[in-house]
Amino acid sequence: MRFQRIQDLRTDADLSQKQISEILHISQRSYSHYETGSRNIPIEMLIRLANYYNTSIDYLVGRTDNKKLYH
């Protein structure tokens, strides 16, 4: 499964793969695998990404088109 939304969020934030991988404390190679879908994203990493981008895991994985969190 390709995770286009994490790539879109990263580029919208003007971050390189290297920068976001450093923020997440993972290698750039691992992050690249997540974006291309060649490796599944662990739930812990989905939580970190959702928190960083202030969005939901449902948005990240394509279950909703609503980026905003409900409070």
C-alpha atoms as a PDB file:
ATOM      1  CA  MET A   1       0.000   0.000   0.000  1.00  0.00           C
ATOM      2  CA  ARG A   2       1.448   3.343  -1.064  1.00  0.00           C
ATOM      3  CA  PHE A   3       1.037   6.132   1.472  1.00  0.00           C
ATOM      4  CA  GLN A   4       0.709   9.153  -0.809  1.00  0.00           C
ATOM      5  CA  ARG A   5      -0.737  11.260   1.987  1.00  0.00           C
ATOM      6  CA  ILE A   6       2.353  11.117   4.167  1.00  0.00           C
ATOM      7  CA  GLN A   7       4.385  12.238   1.173  1.00  0.00           C
ATOM      8  CA  ASP A   8       1.907  15.042   0.440  1.00  0.00           C
ATOM      9  CA  LEU A   9       1.915  16.219   4.066  1.00  0.00           C
ATOM     10  CA  ARG A  10       5.717  16.146   4.129  1.00  0.00           C
ATOM     11  CA  THR A  11       6.079  18.178   0.944  1.00  0.00           C
ATOM     12  CA  ASP A  12       3.350  20.611   2.050  1.00  0.00           C
ATOM     13  CA  ALA A  13       5.442  21.192   5.186  1.00  0.00           C
ATOM     14  CA  ASP A  14       8.540  21.775   2.986  1.00  0.00           C
ATOM     15  CA  LEU A  15      10.381  18.880   4.614  1.00  0.00           C
ATOM     16  CA  SER A  16      12.775  16.456   2.974  1.00  0.00           C
ATOM     17  CA  GLN A  17      12.653  12.754   3.747  1.00  0.00           C
ATOM     18  CA  LYS A  18      15.869  13.218   5.699  1.00  0.00           C
ATOM     19  CA  GLN A  19      14.363  15.993   7.828  1.00  0.00           C
ATOM     20  CA  ILE A  20      11.176  14.102   8.719  1.00  0.00           C
ATOM     21  CA  SER A  21      13.124  10.914   9.394  1.00  0.00           C
ATOM     22  CA  GLU A  22      15.309  12.835  11.865  1.00  0.00           C
ATOM     23  CA  ILE A  23      12.191  14.246  13.554  1.00  0.00           C
ATOM     24  CA  LEU A  24      10.793  10.710  13.840  1.00  0.00           C
ATOM     25  CA  HIS A  25      14.162   9.225  14.926  1.00  0.00           C
ATOM     26  CA  ILE A  26      14.301   6.695  12.099  1.00  0.00           C
ATOM     27  CA  SER A  27      16.545   6.258   9.077  1.00  0.00           C
ATOM     28  CA  GLN A  28      15.761   8.060   5.845  1.00  0.00           C
ATOM     29  CA  ARG A  29      15.683   4.681   4.119  1.00  0.00           C
ATOM     30  CA  SER A  30      12.966   3.387   6.478  1.00  0.00           C
ATOM     31  CA  TYR A  31      10.902   6.507   5.928  1.00  0.00           C
ATOM     32  CA  SER A  32      11.282   6.183   2.161  1.00  0.00           C
ATOM     33  CA  HIS A  33       9.995   2.607   2.373  1.00  0.00           C
ATOM     34  CA  TYR A  34       6.913   3.865   4.236  1.00  0.00           C
ATOM     35  CA  GLU A  35       6.121   6.468   1.559  1.00  0.00           C
ATOM     36  CA  THR A  36       6.508   4.016  -1.308  1.00  0.00           C
ATOM     37  CA  GLY A  37       4.602   1.274   0.459  1.00  0.00           C
ATOM     38  CA  SER A  38       7.427  -1.238   0.248  1.00  0.00           C
ATOM     39  CA  ARG A  39       7.231  -1.558   4.028  1.00  0.00           C
ATOM     40  CA  ASN A  40       4.158  -1.357   6.274  1.00  0.00           C
ATOM     41  CA  ILE A  41       4.085   1.537   8.714  1.00  0.00           C
ATOM     42  CA  PRO A  42       3.994   0.355  12.335  1.00  0.00           C
ATOM     43  CA  ILE A  43       1.098   1.732  14.386  1.00  0.00           C
ATOM     44  CA  GLU A  44       3.540   3.591  16.656  1.00  0.00           C
ATOM     45  CA  MET A  45       4.888   5.440  13.621  1.00  0.00           C
ATOM     46  CA  LEU A  46       1.379   6.228  12.342  1.00  0.00           C
ATOM     47  CA  ILE A  47       0.608   7.756  15.745  1.00  0.00           C
ATOM     48  CA  ARG A  48       3.793   9.858  15.612  1.00  0.00           C
ATOM     49  CA  LEU A  49       3.013  11.029  12.077  1.00  0.00           C
ATOM     50  CA  ALA A  50      -0.601  11.872  12.930  1.00  0.00           C
ATOM     51  CA  ASN A  51       0.530  13.815  15.996  1.00  0.00           C
ATOM     52  CA  TYR A  52       3.246  15.657  14.089  1.00  0.00           C
ATOM     53  CA  TYR A  53       0.915  16.686  11.247  1.00  0.00           C
ATOM     54  CA  ASN A  54      -2.036  17.262  13.606  1.00  0.00           C
ATOM     55  CA  THR A  55      -4.283  14.916  11.664  1.00  0.00           C
ATOM     56  CA  SER A  56      -5.878  11.509  12.159  1.00  0.00           C
ATOM     57  CA  ILE A  57      -4.547   8.077  11.367  1.00  0.00           C
ATOM     58  CA  ASP A  58      -7.728   7.579   9.332  1.00  0.00           C
ATOM     59  CA  TYR A  59      -6.647  10.471   7.100  1.00  0.00           C
ATOM     60  CA  LEU A  60      -3.114   9.116   6.757  1.00  0.00           C
ATOM     61  CA  VAL A  61      -4.326   5.697   5.595  1.00  0.00           C
ATOM     62  CA  GLY A  62      -7.088   7.015   3.317  1.00  0.00           C
ATOM     63  CA  ARG A  63     -10.160   6.108   5.379  1.00  0.00           C
ATOM     64  CA  THR A  64     -11.348   9.740   5.369  1.00  0.00           C
ATOM     65  CA  ASP A  65     -10.654  12.823   3.300  1.00  0.00           C
ATOM     66  CA  ASN A  66     -11.016  15.111   6.327  1.00  0.00           C
ATOM     67  CA  LYS A  67      -7.556  16.271   7.474  1.00  0.00           C
ATOM     68  CA  LYS A  68      -8.803  18.006  10.590  1.00  0.00           C
ATOM     69  CA  LEU A  69      -9.068  16.330  13.955  1.00  0.00           C
ATOM     70  CA  TYR A  70     -12.356  16.333  15.807  1.00  0.00           C
ATOM     71  CA  HIS A  71     -12.145  17.801  19.295  1.00  0.00           C
END
